Amino acid sequence: MKKTETVTVMILGKEYQVSCPADEQGELLQAARQLDERMRTIRQSGSVIGLERIAVMAALNLSHDLLLAKQASAANERVVNRVANKLDATLALSRKANNSNG
């Protein structure tokens, strides 16, 4: 079982205690900084009022970014698979040609 530790993060000037696996503290702190930055940007825009609404908008924005990243990753994976299939076909043809000549 992974050892968990409590980490203090600051979001919009407020401290939050969050438990996470000891080996994931860096990622948690980075995520908290990113969330804090998004929430500050939304708050400074003045178009959203209230901490809860700011948090929801930040969550939606981050979720959208994640969705786009997953779509890009899937597209890249398809390209890599196509290239790998072409390489496999080329290698198979090369082996066949070598066996015919040998």
Protein backbone atom coordinates (compact mmCIF):
# COMPACT_ATOMS: atom_id res chain seq x y z
CA MET A 1 0.00 0.00 0.00
CA LYS A 2 1.30 3.44 -0.91
CA LYS A 3 2.25 5.80 1.86
CA THR A 4 0.10 8.94 1.85
CA GLU A 5 1.08 12.33 3.11
CA THR A 6 -0.83 15.53 3.73
CA VAL A 7 0.17 18.43 1.52
CA THR A 8 -0.85 22.05 1.98
CA VAL A 9 -1.85 23.84 -1.21
CA MET A 10 -2.84 27.48 -1.67
CA ILE A 11 -5.72 28.35 -3.96
CA LEU A 12 -6.86 31.96 -4.18
CA GLY A 13 -5.01 32.72 -0.96
CA LYS A 14 -6.73 29.97 1.01
CA GLU A 15 -4.92 26.93 2.38
CA TYR A 16 -6.24 23.44 1.74
CA GLN A 17 -4.92 20.21 3.26
CA VAL A 18 -4.91 17.39 0.72
CA SER A 19 -3.78 13.79 1.16
CA CYS A 20 -1.96 12.11 -1.67
CA PRO A 21 0.57 9.33 -2.25
CA ALA A 22 4.02 10.49 -1.20
CA ASP A 23 5.42 9.97 -4.70
CA GLU A 24 2.73 12.22 -6.26
CA GLN A 25 3.29 15.37 -4.21
CA GLY A 26 5.02 17.21 -7.03
CA GLU A 27 2.16 16.58 -9.42
CA LEU A 28 -0.39 17.64 -6.80
CA LEU A 29 1.45 20.90 -6.15
CA GLN A 30 1.72 21.55 -9.88
CA ALA A 31 -2.01 20.87 -10.33
CA ALA A 32 -2.84 23.21 -7.45
CA ARG A 33 -0.69 25.98 -8.99
CA GLN A 34 -2.41 25.50 -12.33
CA LEU A 35 -5.87 25.59 -10.71
CA ASP A 36 -4.95 28.68 -8.70
CA GLU A 37 -3.73 30.41 -11.86
CA ARG A 38 -6.92 29.55 -13.76
CA MET A 39 -9.14 30.68 -10.91
CA ARG A 40 -7.24 33.96 -10.56
CA THR A 41 -7.57 34.60 -14.30
CA ILE A 42 -11.31 33.95 -14.18
CA ARG A 43 -11.76 36.11 -11.08
CA GLN A 44 -9.76 38.96 -12.63
CA SER A 45 -11.87 38.87 -15.78
CA GLY A 46 -14.81 40.00 -13.65
CA SER A 47 -17.25 37.93 -15.70
CA VAL A 48 -17.75 35.31 -12.97
CA ILE A 49 -18.56 36.18 -9.38
CA GLY A 50 -18.43 33.87 -6.40
CA LEU A 51 -15.82 31.33 -5.39
CA GLU A 52 -18.01 28.35 -6.26
CA ARG A 53 -18.76 29.64 -9.77
CA ILE A 54 -15.10 30.50 -10.32
CA ALA A 55 -14.14 26.96 -9.26
CA VAL A 56 -16.73 25.41 -11.59
CA MET A 57 -15.56 27.53 -14.53
CA ALA A 58 -11.92 26.63 -13.83
CA ALA A 59 -12.86 22.94 -13.61
CA LEU A 60 -14.73 23.14 -16.91
CA ASN A 61 -11.79 24.90 -18.59
CA LEU A 62 -9.29 22.34 -17.30
CA SER A 63 -11.60 19.47 -18.26
CA HIS A 64 -11.89 20.90 -21.76
CA ASP A 65 -8.10 21.16 -22.02
CA LEU A 66 -7.79 17.52 -20.91
CA LEU A 67 -10.36 16.42 -23.48
CA LEU A 68 -8.47 18.22 -26.26
CA ALA A 69 -5.19 16.66 -25.12
CA LYS A 70 -6.74 13.17 -25.13
CA GLN A 71 -8.11 13.73 -28.63
CA ALA A 72 -4.71 14.92 -29.85
CA SER A 73 -3.04 11.93 -28.21
CA ALA A 74 -5.47 9.54 -29.89
CA ALA A 75 -4.85 11.20 -33.26
CA ASN A 76 -1.08 10.93 -32.76
CA GLU A 77 -1.46 7.27 -31.79
CA ARG A 78 -3.38 6.59 -35.02
CA VAL A 79 -0.60 8.23 -37.05
CA VAL A 80 2.07 6.20 -35.26
CA ASN A 81 0.09 3.00 -35.85
CA ARG A 82 -0.24 3.78 -39.57
CA VAL A 83 3.50 4.41 -39.86
CA ALA A 84 4.27 1.22 -37.93
CA ASN A 85 1.97 -0.78 -40.22
CA LYS A 86 3.69 0.67 -43.30
CA LEU A 87 7.09 -0.21 -41.83
CA ASP A 88 5.92 -3.75 -41.08
CA ALA A 89 4.63 -4.13 -44.65
CA THR A 90 7.89 -2.78 -46.08
CA LEU A 91 9.94 -5.13 -43.90
CA ALA A 92 7.79 -8.08 -44.94
CA LEU A 93 8.30 -7.22 -48.63
CA SER A 94 12.03 -6.84 -48.06
CA ARG A 95 12.26 -10.20 -46.30
CA LYS A 96 10.25 -11.84 -49.05
CA ALA A 97 12.54 -10.33 -51.70
CA ASN A 98 15.64 -11.47 -49.80
CA ASN A 99 14.26 -15.00 -49.44
CA SER A 100 13.45 -15.13 -53.17
CA ASN A 101 16.99 -14.07 -54.08
CA GLY A 102 18.71 -16.29 -51.59
